Amino acid sequence: MTSRYHVQLPQLNERLYREPLAALQGADLQKKCERLLSFQPQAAVNRALQSQARAISDGNPRLLEWLDLILQDKQTDAALILERMEEQAIQFRESILAQELLNQQDEALRMMLARGLVFELPVPLPPMAATWTAIPNRQQQRERAIALGLLESIAASQEPLCRVPRLLSPLLPLVEDDTLPATATAALYGQWWGEGKNTTEEQALELYRLAKLSQNLIVLYEVGRVLAEQWRKQGRYREAGMLWEELVEIGKGWWGEEHPAVASSLNNLAVLYKSQGRYEEAEPLYLQALQLRQRLLGQDHPDVASSLSNLAVLYQHQGRYEEAEPLPNLAV
């Protein structure tokens, strides 16, 4: 993999060999500049600003692309931005560009970007726009933000995606709206989840994160259950176990220990342990789930029958046939 930034991986991080990537220079830098409108010889951009921007970028292609957008925008004081960037050490120049550029925008655009930070992944425009309902002149603000590189617009196979760069996070105003996570969760759930939707694992994790942030337990449990089961089937037992344990604790904290969803999570965690051959850990969870379901749902409920069957299969795997034999009959 290649990256111009230091990357930490959630797994196998110690096995990643890192080799510093040199900045663009010479012919490579020239080719890059020739593809950017503001740096072409025929561009209607002051030559001194061209040279200054090129020097300030120090061969960083991302920074060059952003400066290209700034130099094209007639409403932006590019000279002031370049002056401020030149005063700073190289590693801080991108942040300075962002800060100075944001300072030149109106409050509505800054608030639009701040609200868009609720999403961590690039998302389709409808869910992003759902968080902007209180922003005046939304379409014009969006077009300007894209033109200035403050809002990333990413071409995708089905529809364009957009994302507010995380670099802007500490520079934008605080959003004082407790309903924002709920709005984002509902909008993205409708876009990414449901029958016929090819939801990726990354998208499911983003939905789960938003559901937890907004305390939307219906979405949280639905998405979390699918993720955990998918990981179990893939042999990713540690990740699946941590997710089921989290769902158990969230359910207890929200509904209390006496709730069918808590019983289901305990049962599913036990299924995971049984898949790993961790029978001694699975048994008490199966029993807890069974007792909860009997109290909450009644002896004749299908979930009680499922718990009895699971317990019987567990005993069978352990060779405890005398204990296993009567259990399925109790569910009849």
C-alpha atoms as a PDB file:
ATOM      1  CA  MET A   1       0.000   0.000   0.000  1.00  0.00           C
ATOM      2  CA  THR A   2       1.145   3.583  -0.561  1.00  0.00           C
ATOM      3  CA  SER A   3       0.244   6.626   1.495  1.00  0.00           C
ATOM      4  CA  ARG A   4       1.708  10.070   1.989  1.00  0.00           C
ATOM      5  CA  TYR A   5       0.546  10.007   5.605  1.00  0.00           C
ATOM      6  CA  HIS A   6       1.506   7.849   8.582  1.00  0.00           C
ATOM      7  CA  VAL A   7      -1.047   5.030   8.737  1.00  0.00           C
ATOM      8  CA  GLN A   8      -1.918   2.889  11.761  1.00  0.00           C
ATOM      9  CA  LEU A   9      -3.799  -0.331  11.013  1.00  0.00           C
ATOM     10  CA  PRO A  10      -6.285  -1.859  13.486  1.00  0.00           C
ATOM     11  CA  GLN A  11      -4.706  -5.297  12.935  1.00  0.00           C
ATOM     12  CA  LEU A  12      -1.247  -6.559  11.966  1.00  0.00           C
ATOM     13  CA  ASN A  13       0.127  -3.048  12.353  1.00  0.00           C
ATOM     14  CA  GLU A  14       3.509  -4.364  13.493  1.00  0.00           C
ATOM     15  CA  ARG A  15       3.851  -6.347  10.257  1.00  0.00           C
ATOM     16  CA  LEU A  16       3.558  -3.278   8.031  1.00  0.00           C
ATOM     17  CA  TYR A  17       6.903  -2.124   6.653  1.00  0.00           C
ATOM     18  CA  ARG A  18       6.997   1.620   6.164  1.00  0.00           C
ATOM     19  CA  GLU A  19       9.177   3.313   3.590  1.00  0.00           C
ATOM     20  CA  PRO A  20       9.122   7.098   3.341  1.00  0.00           C
ATOM     21  CA  LEU A  21       7.720   8.328   0.031  1.00  0.00           C
ATOM     22  CA  ALA A  22       9.674  11.133  -1.562  1.00  0.00           C
ATOM     23  CA  ALA A  23       7.902  14.332  -2.556  1.00  0.00           C
ATOM     24  CA  LEU A  24       7.323  14.945  -6.262  1.00  0.00           C
ATOM     25  CA  GLN A  25      10.204  16.690  -7.950  1.00  0.00           C
ATOM     26  CA  GLY A  26      11.767  17.174 -11.355  1.00  0.00           C
ATOM     27  CA  ALA A  27       9.841  15.643 -14.261  1.00  0.00           C
ATOM     28  CA  ASP A  28       7.218  14.091 -11.962  1.00  0.00           C
ATOM     29  CA  LEU A  29       6.414  17.459 -10.417  1.00  0.00           C
ATOM     30  CA  GLN A  30       6.288  19.078 -13.854  1.00  0.00           C
ATOM     31  CA  LYS A  31       3.848  16.442 -15.164  1.00  0.00           C
ATOM     32  CA  LYS A  32       1.635  16.936 -12.126  1.00  0.00           C
ATOM     33  CA  CYS A  33       1.550  20.712 -12.617  1.00  0.00           C
ATOM     34  CA  GLU A  34       0.740  20.345 -16.308  1.00  0.00           C
ATOM     35  CA  ARG A  35      -2.458  18.495 -15.355  1.00  0.00           C
ATOM     36  CA  LEU A  36      -3.623  21.286 -13.023  1.00  0.00           C
ATOM     37  CA  LEU A  37      -5.333  24.277 -14.634  1.00  0.00           C
ATOM     38  CA  SER A  38      -3.797  26.975 -12.430  1.00  0.00           C
ATOM     39  CA  PHE A  39      -0.238  25.805 -13.049  1.00  0.00           C
ATOM     40  CA  GLN A  40      -0.402  25.566 -16.826  1.00  0.00           C
ATOM     41  CA  PRO A  41       1.578  28.194 -18.839  1.00  0.00           C
ATOM     42  CA  GLN A  42      -1.590  29.585 -20.432  1.00  0.00           C
ATOM     43  CA  ALA A  43      -3.460  29.923 -17.125  1.00  0.00           C
ATOM     44  CA  ALA A  44      -4.817  33.349 -16.214  1.00  0.00           C
ATOM     45  CA  VAL A  45      -3.035  33.225 -12.875  1.00  0.00           C
ATOM     46  CA  ASN A  46      -0.332  35.600 -11.732  1.00  0.00           C
ATOM     47  CA  ARG A  47       3.040  33.955 -12.453  1.00  0.00           C
ATOM     48  CA  ALA A  48       4.418  34.999  -9.082  1.00  0.00           C
ATOM     49  CA  LEU A  49       1.482  33.286  -7.324  1.00  0.00           C
ATOM     50  CA  GLN A  50       2.026  30.192  -9.474  1.00  0.00           C
ATOM     51  CA  SER A  51       5.675  29.965  -8.451  1.00  0.00           C
ATOM     52  CA  GLN A  52       4.904  30.729  -4.807  1.00  0.00           C
ATOM     53  CA  ALA A  53       2.199  28.050  -4.625  1.00  0.00           C
ATOM     54  CA  ARG A  54       4.428  25.494  -6.316  1.00  0.00           C
ATOM     55  CA  ALA A  55       7.259  26.194  -3.877  1.00  0.00           C
ATOM     56  CA  ILE A  56       4.971  26.082  -0.844  1.00  0.00           C
ATOM     57  CA  SER A  57       3.499  22.714  -1.862  1.00  0.00           C
ATOM     58  CA  ASP A  58       6.990  21.231  -1.533  1.00  0.00           C
ATOM     59  CA  GLY A  59       6.034  18.428  -3.952  1.00  0.00           C
ATOM     60  CA  ASN A  60       2.960  17.333  -1.990  1.00  0.00           C
ATOM     61  CA  PRO A  61       0.439  16.343  -4.735  1.00  0.00           C
ATOM     62  CA  ARG A  62      -2.623  16.684  -2.484  1.00  0.00           C
ATOM     63  CA  LEU A  63      -1.578  20.198  -1.479  1.00  0.00           C
ATOM     64  CA  LEU A  64      -0.894  21.099  -5.120  1.00  0.00           C
ATOM     65  CA  GLU A  65      -4.411  19.988  -6.097  1.00  0.00           C
ATOM     66  CA  TRP A  66      -5.948  22.066  -3.335  1.00  0.00           C
ATOM     67  CA  LEU A  67      -3.903  25.149  -4.199  1.00  0.00           C
ATOM     68  CA  ASP A  68      -4.963  24.699  -7.827  1.00  0.00           C
ATOM     69  CA  LEU A  69      -8.609  25.107  -6.771  1.00  0.00           C
ATOM     70  CA  ILE A  70      -7.800  28.143  -4.625  1.00  0.00           C
ATOM     71  CA  LEU A  71      -5.940  29.915  -7.434  1.00  0.00           C
ATOM     72  CA  GLN A  72      -8.890  29.343  -9.782  1.00  0.00           C
ATOM     73  CA  ASP A  73     -11.412  30.925  -7.404  1.00  0.00           C
ATOM     74  CA  LYS A  74     -11.739  34.668  -8.016  1.00  0.00           C
ATOM     75  CA  GLN A  75     -13.526  35.308  -4.698  1.00  0.00           C
ATOM     76  CA  THR A  76     -10.683  33.950  -2.587  1.00  0.00           C
ATOM     77  CA  ASP A  77      -7.683  36.001  -1.497  1.00  0.00           C
ATOM     78  CA  ALA A  78      -5.084  33.468  -2.616  1.00  0.00           C
ATOM     79  CA  ALA A  79      -2.167  35.831  -1.967  1.00  0.00           C
ATOM     80  CA  LEU A  80      -3.083  36.161   1.706  1.00  0.00           C
ATOM     81  CA  ILE A  81      -3.405  32.385   2.097  1.00  0.00           C
ATOM     82  CA  LEU A  82      -0.027  31.756   0.454  1.00  0.00           C
ATOM     83  CA  GLU A  83       1.590  34.408   2.631  1.00  0.00           C
ATOM     84  CA  ARG A  84       0.297  32.773   5.809  1.00  0.00           C
ATOM     85  CA  MET A  85       1.353  29.320   4.595  1.00  0.00           C
ATOM     86  CA  GLU A  86       4.847  30.531   3.779  1.00  0.00           C
ATOM     87  CA  GLU A  87       5.311  31.621   7.381  1.00  0.00           C
ATOM     88  CA  GLN A  88       4.701  28.111   8.698  1.00  0.00           C
ATOM     89  CA  ALA A  89       6.716  24.934   8.827  1.00  0.00           C
ATOM     90  CA  ILE A  90       5.999  22.531   5.959  1.00  0.00           C
ATOM     91  CA  GLN A  91       4.077  19.988   8.065  1.00  0.00           C
ATOM     92  CA  PHE A  92       1.540  22.643   9.093  1.00  0.00           C
ATOM     93  CA  ARG A  93       0.918  24.263   5.716  1.00  0.00           C
ATOM     94  CA  GLU A  94      -2.181  22.248   4.812  1.00  0.00           C
ATOM     95  CA  SER A  95      -3.813  23.172   8.128  1.00  0.00           C
ATOM     96  CA  ILE A  96      -2.966  26.835   7.622  1.00  0.00           C
ATOM     97  CA  LEU A  97      -4.483  26.745   4.138  1.00  0.00           C
ATOM     98  CA  ALA A  98      -7.680  25.231   5.558  1.00  0.00           C
ATOM     99  CA  GLN A  99      -7.886  27.765   8.397  1.00  0.00           C
ATOM    100  CA  GLU A 100      -7.288  30.816   6.230  1.00  0.00           C
ATOM    101  CA  LEU A 101      -9.674  29.571   3.546  1.00  0.00           C
ATOM    102  CA  LEU A 102     -12.429  28.900   6.081  1.00  0.00           C
ATOM    103  CA  ASN A 103     -11.925  32.367   7.557  1.00  0.00           C
ATOM    104  CA  GLN A 104     -12.887  33.831   4.170  1.00  0.00           C
ATOM    105  CA  GLN A 105     -16.197  31.895   3.970  1.00  0.00           C
ATOM    106  CA  ASP A 106     -19.549  32.863   5.431  1.00  0.00           C
ATOM    107  CA  GLU A 107     -21.005  31.260   8.544  1.00  0.00           C
ATOM    108  CA  ALA A 108     -23.562  29.188   6.610  1.00  0.00           C
ATOM    109  CA  LEU A 109     -20.871  27.376   4.620  1.00  0.00           C
ATOM    110  CA  ARG A 110     -18.785  26.708   7.730  1.00  0.00           C
ATOM    111  CA  MET A 111     -21.816  25.330   9.569  1.00  0.00           C
ATOM    112  CA  MET A 112     -22.729  23.149   6.588  1.00  0.00           C
ATOM    113  CA  LEU A 113     -19.259  21.582   6.692  1.00  0.00           C
ATOM    114  CA  ALA A 114     -19.408  21.203  10.469  1.00  0.00           C
ATOM    115  CA  ARG A 115     -22.677  19.272  10.230  1.00  0.00           C
ATOM    116  CA  GLY A 116     -21.267  17.074   7.465  1.00  0.00           C
ATOM    117  CA  LEU A 117     -18.485  15.911   9.799  1.00  0.00           C
ATOM    118  CA  VAL A 118     -21.028  13.601  11.459  1.00  0.00           C
ATOM    119  CA  PHE A 119     -20.168  11.148   8.655  1.00  0.00           C
ATOM    120  CA  GLU A 120     -16.710   9.606   8.657  1.00  0.00           C
ATOM    121  CA  LEU A 121     -17.071   7.773   5.334  1.00  0.00           C
ATOM    122  CA  PRO A 122     -17.830   9.307   1.945  1.00  0.00           C
ATOM    123  CA  VAL A 123     -21.623   9.124   1.602  1.00  0.00           C
ATOM    124  CA  PRO A 124     -24.135   9.793  -1.205  1.00  0.00           C
ATOM    125  CA  LEU A 125     -25.466  13.335  -1.430  1.00  0.00           C
ATOM    126  CA  PRO A 126     -29.026  12.646  -0.091  1.00  0.00           C
ATOM    127  CA  PRO A 127     -27.885  11.563   3.416  1.00  0.00           C
ATOM    128  CA  MET A 128     -25.342  14.392   3.559  1.00  0.00           C
ATOM    129  CA  ALA A 129     -27.974  16.900   2.400  1.00  0.00           C
ATOM    130  CA  ALA A 130     -30.384  15.622   5.077  1.00  0.00           C
ATOM    131  CA  THR A 131     -28.059  17.153   7.689  1.00  0.00           C
ATOM    132  CA  TRP A 132     -28.160  20.559   5.944  1.00  0.00           C
ATOM    133  CA  THR A 133     -31.899  21.332   6.070  1.00  0.00           C
ATOM    134  CA  ALA A 134     -31.362  24.439   8.212  1.00  0.00           C
ATOM    135  CA  ILE A 135     -28.580  25.816   5.979  1.00  0.00           C
ATOM    136  CA  PRO A 136     -29.656  28.692   3.656  1.00  0.00           C
ATOM    137  CA  ASN A 137     -28.734  28.462  -0.056  1.00  0.00           C
ATOM    138  CA  ARG A 138     -27.618  24.874   0.370  1.00  0.00           C
ATOM    139  CA  GLN A 139     -26.965  24.110  -3.277  1.00  0.00           C
ATOM    140  CA  GLN A 140     -24.839  27.209  -3.840  1.00  0.00           C
ATOM    141  CA  GLN A 141     -22.924  26.599  -0.604  1.00  0.00           C
ATOM    142  CA  ARG A 142     -22.285  22.991  -1.612  1.00  0.00           C
ATOM    143  CA  GLU A 143     -21.045  23.963  -5.066  1.00  0.00           C
ATOM    144  CA  ARG A 144     -18.698  26.559  -3.596  1.00  0.00           C
ATOM    145  CA  ALA A 145     -17.368  24.136  -0.969  1.00  0.00           C
ATOM    146  CA  ILE A 146     -16.608  21.578  -3.693  1.00  0.00           C
ATOM    147  CA  ALA A 147     -14.976  24.202  -5.904  1.00  0.00           C
ATOM    148  CA  LEU A 148     -12.669  25.200  -3.033  1.00  0.00           C
ATOM    149  CA  GLY A 149     -11.819  21.627  -2.024  1.00  0.00           C
ATOM    150  CA  LEU A 150     -13.547  22.040   1.341  1.00  0.00           C
ATOM    151  CA  LEU A 151     -16.028  19.313   0.425  1.00  0.00           C
ATOM    152  CA  GLU A 152     -14.678  16.253  -1.351  1.00  0.00           C
ATOM    153  CA  SER A 153     -16.765  15.066  -4.296  1.00  0.00           C
ATOM    154  CA  ILE A 154     -15.818  11.514  -5.235  1.00  0.00           C
ATOM    155  CA  ALA A 155     -16.862   9.799  -8.451  1.00  0.00           C
ATOM    156  CA  ALA A 156     -18.411   6.372  -7.800  1.00  0.00           C
ATOM    157  CA  SER A 157     -19.980   3.655  -9.933  1.00  0.00           C
ATOM    158  CA  GLN A 158     -23.601   4.406  -8.977  1.00  0.00           C
ATOM    159  CA  GLU A 159     -23.717   7.974  -7.705  1.00  0.00           C
ATOM    160  CA  PRO A 160     -21.193  10.595  -6.546  1.00  0.00           C
ATOM    161  CA  LEU A 161     -20.090  10.486  -2.928  1.00  0.00           C
ATOM    162  CA  CYS A 162     -19.156  13.434  -0.742  1.00  0.00           C
ATOM    163  CA  ARG A 163     -17.154  13.860   2.424  1.00  0.00           C
ATOM    164  CA  VAL A 164     -15.892  16.685   4.623  1.00  0.00           C
ATOM    165  CA  PRO A 165     -12.096  16.243   5.064  1.00  0.00           C
ATOM    166  CA  ARG A 166     -11.187  15.341   8.652  1.00  0.00           C
ATOM    167  CA  LEU A 167      -8.442  17.967   8.482  1.00  0.00           C
ATOM    168  CA  LEU A 168     -11.191  20.583   8.908  1.00  0.00           C
ATOM    169  CA  SER A 169     -12.610  19.042  12.082  1.00  0.00           C
ATOM    170  CA  PRO A 170     -10.749  21.198  14.659  1.00  0.00           C
ATOM    171  CA  LEU A 171     -11.246  24.328  12.529  1.00  0.00           C
ATOM    172  CA  LEU A 172     -15.037  24.275  12.195  1.00  0.00           C
ATOM    173  CA  PRO A 173     -17.664  25.564  14.666  1.00  0.00           C
ATOM    174  CA  LEU A 174     -19.199  23.249  17.229  1.00  0.00           C
ATOM    175  CA  VAL A 175     -22.608  21.901  16.207  1.00  0.00           C
ATOM    176  CA  GLU A 176     -25.080  22.276  19.071  1.00  0.00           C
ATOM    177  CA  ASP A 177     -27.794  19.998  17.736  1.00  0.00           C
ATOM    178  CA  ASP A 178     -28.559  16.790  19.623  1.00  0.00           C
ATOM    179  CA  THR A 179     -30.744  15.560  16.752  1.00  0.00           C
ATOM    180  CA  LEU A 180     -27.925  15.563  14.170  1.00  0.00           C
ATOM    181  CA  PRO A 181     -26.697  11.963  14.805  1.00  0.00           C
ATOM    182  CA  ALA A 182     -30.278  10.664  14.636  1.00  0.00           C
ATOM    183  CA  THR A 183     -30.888  12.498  11.349  1.00  0.00           C
ATOM    184  CA  ALA A 184     -27.657  11.121   9.887  1.00  0.00           C
ATOM    185  CA  THR A 185     -28.440   7.578  11.067  1.00  0.00           C
ATOM    186  CA  ALA A 186     -31.941   7.530   9.591  1.00  0.00           C
ATOM    187  CA  ALA A 187     -30.827   9.043   6.263  1.00  0.00           C
ATOM    188  CA  LEU A 188     -27.873   6.704   5.799  1.00  0.00           C
ATOM    189  CA  TYR A 189     -29.836   3.646   6.951  1.00  0.00           C
ATOM    190  CA  GLY A 190     -32.405   4.279   4.204  1.00  0.00           C
ATOM    191  CA  GLN A 191     -29.626   4.667   1.656  1.00  0.00           C
ATOM    192  CA  TRP A 192     -27.372   1.735   2.557  1.00  0.00           C
ATOM    193  CA  TRP A 193     -29.410  -0.865   4.419  1.00  0.00           C
ATOM    194  CA  GLY A 194     -32.233  -3.162   3.407  1.00  0.00           C
ATOM    195  CA  GLU A 195     -33.172  -5.850   0.927  1.00  0.00           C
ATOM    196  CA  GLY A 196     -31.300  -5.608  -2.356  1.00  0.00           C
ATOM    197  CA  LYS A 197     -28.625  -3.258  -0.954  1.00  0.00           C
ATOM    198  CA  ASN A 198     -25.054  -4.483  -1.360  1.00  0.00           C
ATOM    199  CA  THR A 199     -23.839  -3.021   1.905  1.00  0.00           C
ATOM    200  CA  THR A 200     -20.097  -3.363   2.450  1.00  0.00           C
ATOM    201  CA  GLU A 201     -18.571  -4.137   5.831  1.00  0.00           C
ATOM    202  CA  GLU A 202     -17.143  -0.613   5.975  1.00  0.00           C
ATOM    203  CA  GLN A 203     -20.593   0.864   5.366  1.00  0.00           C
ATOM    204  CA  ALA A 204     -22.161  -1.404   7.990  1.00  0.00           C
ATOM    205  CA  LEU A 205     -19.562  -0.287  10.535  1.00  0.00           C
ATOM    206  CA  GLU A 206     -20.347   3.365   9.752  1.00  0.00           C
ATOM    207  CA  LEU A 207     -24.066   2.685  10.278  1.00  0.00           C
ATOM    208  CA  TYR A 208     -23.284   0.903  13.557  1.00  0.00           C
ATOM    209  CA  ARG A 209     -21.131   3.835  14.743  1.00  0.00           C
ATOM    210  CA  LEU A 210     -23.849   6.364  13.946  1.00  0.00           C
ATOM    211  CA  ALA A 211     -26.562   4.220  15.540  1.00  0.00           C
ATOM    212  CA  LYS A 212     -24.524   3.998  18.738  1.00  0.00           C
ATOM    213  CA  LEU A 213     -23.911   7.753  18.663  1.00  0.00           C
ATOM    214  CA  SER A 214     -27.628   8.483  18.222  1.00  0.00           C
ATOM    215  CA  GLN A 215     -28.759   5.680  20.583  1.00  0.00           C
ATOM    216  CA  ASN A 216     -30.880   4.199  17.797  1.00  0.00           C
ATOM    217  CA  LEU A 217     -30.983   0.709  19.282  1.00  0.00           C
ATOM    218  CA  ILE A 218     -33.176  -0.733  16.536  1.00  0.00           C
ATOM    219  CA  VAL A 219     -30.566   0.044  13.872  1.00  0.00           C
ATOM    220  CA  LEU A 220     -27.726  -0.768  16.269  1.00  0.00           C
ATOM    221  CA  TYR A 221     -28.981  -4.291  16.987  1.00  0.00           C
ATOM    222  CA  GLU A 222     -30.013  -5.001  13.403  1.00  0.00           C
ATOM    223  CA  VAL A 223     -26.679  -3.983  11.903  1.00  0.00           C
ATOM    224  CA  GLY A 224     -24.618  -5.317  14.803  1.00  0.00           C
ATOM    225  CA  ARG A 225     -26.264  -8.744  14.624  1.00  0.00           C
ATOM    226  CA  VAL A 226     -25.526  -9.057  10.899  1.00  0.00           C
ATOM    227  CA  LEU A 227     -21.917  -7.927  11.355  1.00  0.00           C
ATOM    228  CA  ALA A 228     -21.243 -10.286  14.249  1.00  0.00           C
ATOM    229  CA  GLU A 229     -22.746 -13.276  12.429  1.00  0.00           C
ATOM    230  CA  GLN A 230     -20.770 -12.445   9.304  1.00  0.00           C
ATOM    231  CA  TRP A 231     -17.541 -12.317  11.314  1.00  0.00           C
ATOM    232  CA  ARG A 232     -18.368 -15.601  13.044  1.00  0.00           C
ATOM    233  CA  LYS A 233     -18.816 -17.338   9.687  1.00  0.00           C
ATOM    234  CA  GLN A 234     -15.505 -15.872   8.518  1.00  0.00           C
ATOM    235  CA  GLY A 235     -13.740 -17.246  11.585  1.00  0.00           C
ATOM    236  CA  ARG A 236     -13.175 -13.748  12.994  1.00  0.00           C
ATOM    237  CA  TYR A 237     -14.231 -14.918  16.441  1.00  0.00           C
ATOM    238  CA  ARG A 238     -12.472 -12.249  18.484  1.00  0.00           C
ATOM    239  CA  GLU A 239     -14.173  -9.392  16.620  1.00  0.00           C
ATOM    240  CA  ALA A 240     -17.555 -11.128  16.704  1.00  0.00           C
ATOM    241  CA  GLY A 241     -17.228 -11.828  20.431  1.00  0.00           C
ATOM    242  CA  MET A 242     -16.338  -8.235  21.249  1.00  0.00           C
ATOM    243  CA  LEU A 243     -19.332  -7.004  19.257  1.00  0.00           C
ATOM    244  CA  TRP A 244     -21.795  -9.384  20.957  1.00  0.00           C
ATOM    245  CA  GLU A 245     -20.386  -8.450  24.366  1.00  0.00           C
ATOM    246  CA  GLU A 246     -20.864  -4.770  23.526  1.00  0.00           C
ATOM    247  CA  LEU A 247     -24.449  -5.383  22.410  1.00  0.00           C
ATOM    248  CA  VAL A 248     -25.170  -7.225  25.668  1.00  0.00           C
ATOM    249  CA  GLU A 249     -23.829  -4.331  27.738  1.00  0.00           C
ATOM    250  CA  ILE A 250     -25.588  -1.657  25.650  1.00  0.00           C
ATOM    251  CA  GLY A 251     -28.875  -3.556  25.939  1.00  0.00           C
ATOM    252  CA  LYS A 252     -28.540  -3.924  29.704  1.00  0.00           C
ATOM    253  CA  GLY A 253     -27.700  -0.248  30.077  1.00  0.00           C
ATOM    254  CA  TRP A 254     -30.653   0.886  27.963  1.00  0.00           C
ATOM    255  CA  TRP A 255     -33.409  -1.644  28.671  1.00  0.00           C
ATOM    256  CA  GLY A 256     -32.182  -3.319  31.842  1.00  0.00           C
ATOM    257  CA  GLU A 257     -31.224  -6.971  32.212  1.00  0.00           C
ATOM    258  CA  GLU A 258     -34.792  -8.243  31.782  1.00  0.00           C
ATOM    259  CA  HIS A 259     -35.314  -7.734  28.061  1.00  0.00           C
ATOM    260  CA  PRO A 260     -35.696 -10.138  25.088  1.00  0.00           C
ATOM    261  CA  ALA A 261     -32.937  -8.350  23.121  1.00  0.00           C
ATOM    262  CA  VAL A 262     -30.491  -8.966  25.961  1.00  0.00           C
ATOM    263  CA  ALA A 263     -31.487 -12.643  25.990  1.00  0.00           C
ATOM    264  CA  SER A 264     -30.901 -12.878  22.226  1.00  0.00           C
ATOM    265  CA  SER A 265     -27.463 -11.290  22.525  1.00  0.00           C
ATOM    266  CA  LEU A 266     -26.498 -13.697  25.312  1.00  0.00           C
ATOM    267  CA  ASN A 267     -27.711 -16.606  23.199  1.00  0.00           C
ATOM    268  CA  ASN A 268     -25.738 -15.431  20.159  1.00  0.00           C
ATOM    269  CA  LEU A 269     -22.586 -14.950  22.211  1.00  0.00           C
ATOM    270  CA  ALA A 270     -23.016 -18.528  23.441  1.00  0.00           C
ATOM    271  CA  VAL A 271     -23.384 -19.731  19.824  1.00  0.00           C
ATOM    272  CA  LEU A 272     -20.076 -18.049  19.049  1.00  0.00           C
ATOM    273  CA  TYR A 273     -18.340 -19.704  22.008  1.00  0.00           C
ATOM    274  CA  LYS A 274     -19.725 -23.097  20.975  1.00  0.00           C
ATOM    275  CA  SER A 275     -18.354 -22.578  17.447  1.00  0.00           C
ATOM    276  CA  GLN A 276     -14.918 -22.179  19.030  1.00  0.00           C
ATOM    277  CA  GLY A 277     -15.290 -25.233  21.247  1.00  0.00           C
ATOM    278  CA  ARG A 278     -15.473 -23.027  24.355  1.00  0.00           C
ATOM    279  CA  TYR A 279     -18.258 -25.145  25.852  1.00  0.00           C
ATOM    280  CA  GLU A 280     -17.726 -24.206  29.495  1.00  0.00           C
ATOM    281  CA  GLU A 281     -18.129 -20.516  28.650  1.00  0.00           C
ATOM    282  CA  ALA A 282     -21.094 -21.118  26.342  1.00  0.00           C
ATOM    283  CA  GLU A 283     -23.201 -23.105  28.838  1.00  0.00           C
ATOM    284  CA  PRO A 284     -23.910 -20.360  31.432  1.00  0.00           C
ATOM    285  CA  LEU A 285     -24.814 -17.926  28.660  1.00  0.00           C
ATOM    286  CA  TYR A 286     -27.244 -20.419  27.101  1.00  0.00           C
ATOM    287  CA  LEU A 287     -28.795 -20.942  30.525  1.00  0.00           C
ATOM    288  CA  GLN A 288     -29.115 -17.194  31.167  1.00  0.00           C
ATOM    289  CA  ALA A 289     -30.758 -16.698  27.792  1.00  0.00           C
ATOM    290  CA  LEU A 290     -33.130 -19.619  28.384  1.00  0.00           C
ATOM    291  CA  GLN A 291     -34.208 -18.413  31.822  1.00  0.00           C
ATOM    292  CA  LEU A 292     -34.732 -14.854  30.581  1.00  0.00           C
ATOM    293  CA  ARG A 293     -36.848 -16.049  27.654  1.00  0.00           C
ATOM    294  CA  GLN A 294     -38.930 -18.315  29.864  1.00  0.00           C
ATOM    295  CA  ARG A 295     -39.677 -15.442  32.253  1.00  0.00           C
ATOM    296  CA  LEU A 296     -40.286 -12.793  29.596  1.00  0.00           C
ATOM    297  CA  LEU A 297     -41.866 -14.764  26.751  1.00  0.00           C
ATOM    298  CA  GLY A 298     -43.455 -17.820  28.325  1.00  0.00           C
ATOM    299  CA  GLN A 299     -42.655 -21.516  27.988  1.00  0.00           C
ATOM    300  CA  ASP A 300     -44.417 -21.888  24.614  1.00  0.00           C
ATOM    301  CA  HIS A 301     -42.526 -19.180  22.758  1.00  0.00           C
ATOM    302  CA  PRO A 302     -40.358 -20.234  19.737  1.00  0.00           C
ATOM    303  CA  ASP A 303     -37.297 -18.489  21.236  1.00  0.00           C
ATOM    304  CA  VAL A 304     -37.586 -20.714  24.308  1.00  0.00           C
ATOM    305  CA  ALA A 305     -37.678 -23.763  22.051  1.00  0.00           C
ATOM    306  CA  SER A 306     -34.581 -22.459  20.253  1.00  0.00           C
ATOM    307  CA  SER A 307     -32.737 -22.024  23.560  1.00  0.00           C
ATOM    308  CA  LEU A 308     -33.618 -25.555  24.677  1.00  0.00           C
ATOM    309  CA  SER A 309     -32.443 -26.940  21.346  1.00  0.00           C
ATOM    310  CA  ASN A 310     -29.158 -25.000  21.546  1.00  0.00           C
ATOM    311  CA  LEU A 311     -28.518 -26.288  25.033  1.00  0.00           C
ATOM    312  CA  ALA A 312     -29.243 -29.869  23.933  1.00  0.00           C
ATOM    313  CA  VAL A 313     -26.773 -29.602  21.043  1.00  0.00           C
ATOM    314  CA  LEU A 314     -24.127 -28.202  23.398  1.00  0.00           C
ATOM    315  CA  TYR A 315     -24.572 -31.150  25.810  1.00  0.00           C
ATOM    316  CA  GLN A 316     -24.448 -33.570  22.895  1.00  0.00           C
ATOM    317  CA  HIS A 317     -21.094 -32.124  21.778  1.00  0.00           C
ATOM    318  CA  GLN A 318     -19.807 -32.679  25.298  1.00  0.00           C
ATOM    319  CA  GLY A 319     -21.062 -36.264  25.429  1.00  0.00           C
ATOM    320  CA  ARG A 320     -23.618 -35.367  28.116  1.00  0.00           C
ATOM    321  CA  TYR A 321     -26.359 -37.375  26.415  1.00  0.00           C
ATOM    322  CA  GLU A 322     -28.558 -37.988  29.464  1.00  0.00           C
ATOM    323  CA  GLU A 323     -28.833 -34.229  30.053  1.00  0.00           C
ATOM    324  CA  ALA A 324     -29.353 -33.476  26.360  1.00  0.00           C
ATOM    325  CA  GLU A 325     -32.070 -36.054  25.669  1.00  0.00           C
ATOM    326  CA  PRO A 326     -35.058 -34.512  27.525  1.00  0.00           C
ATOM    327  CA  LEU A 327     -34.417 -30.886  26.523  1.00  0.00           C
ATOM    328  CA  PRO A 328     -36.020 -30.817  23.028  1.00  0.00           C
ATOM    329  CA  ASN A 329     -39.114 -32.520  24.454  1.00  0.00           C
ATOM    330  CA  LEU A 330     -39.573 -29.637  26.897  1.00  0.00           C
ATOM    331  CA  ALA A 331     -40.095 -27.324  23.945  1.00  0.00           C
ATOM    332  CA  VAL A 332     -43.017 -29.352  22.516  1.00  0.00           C
END
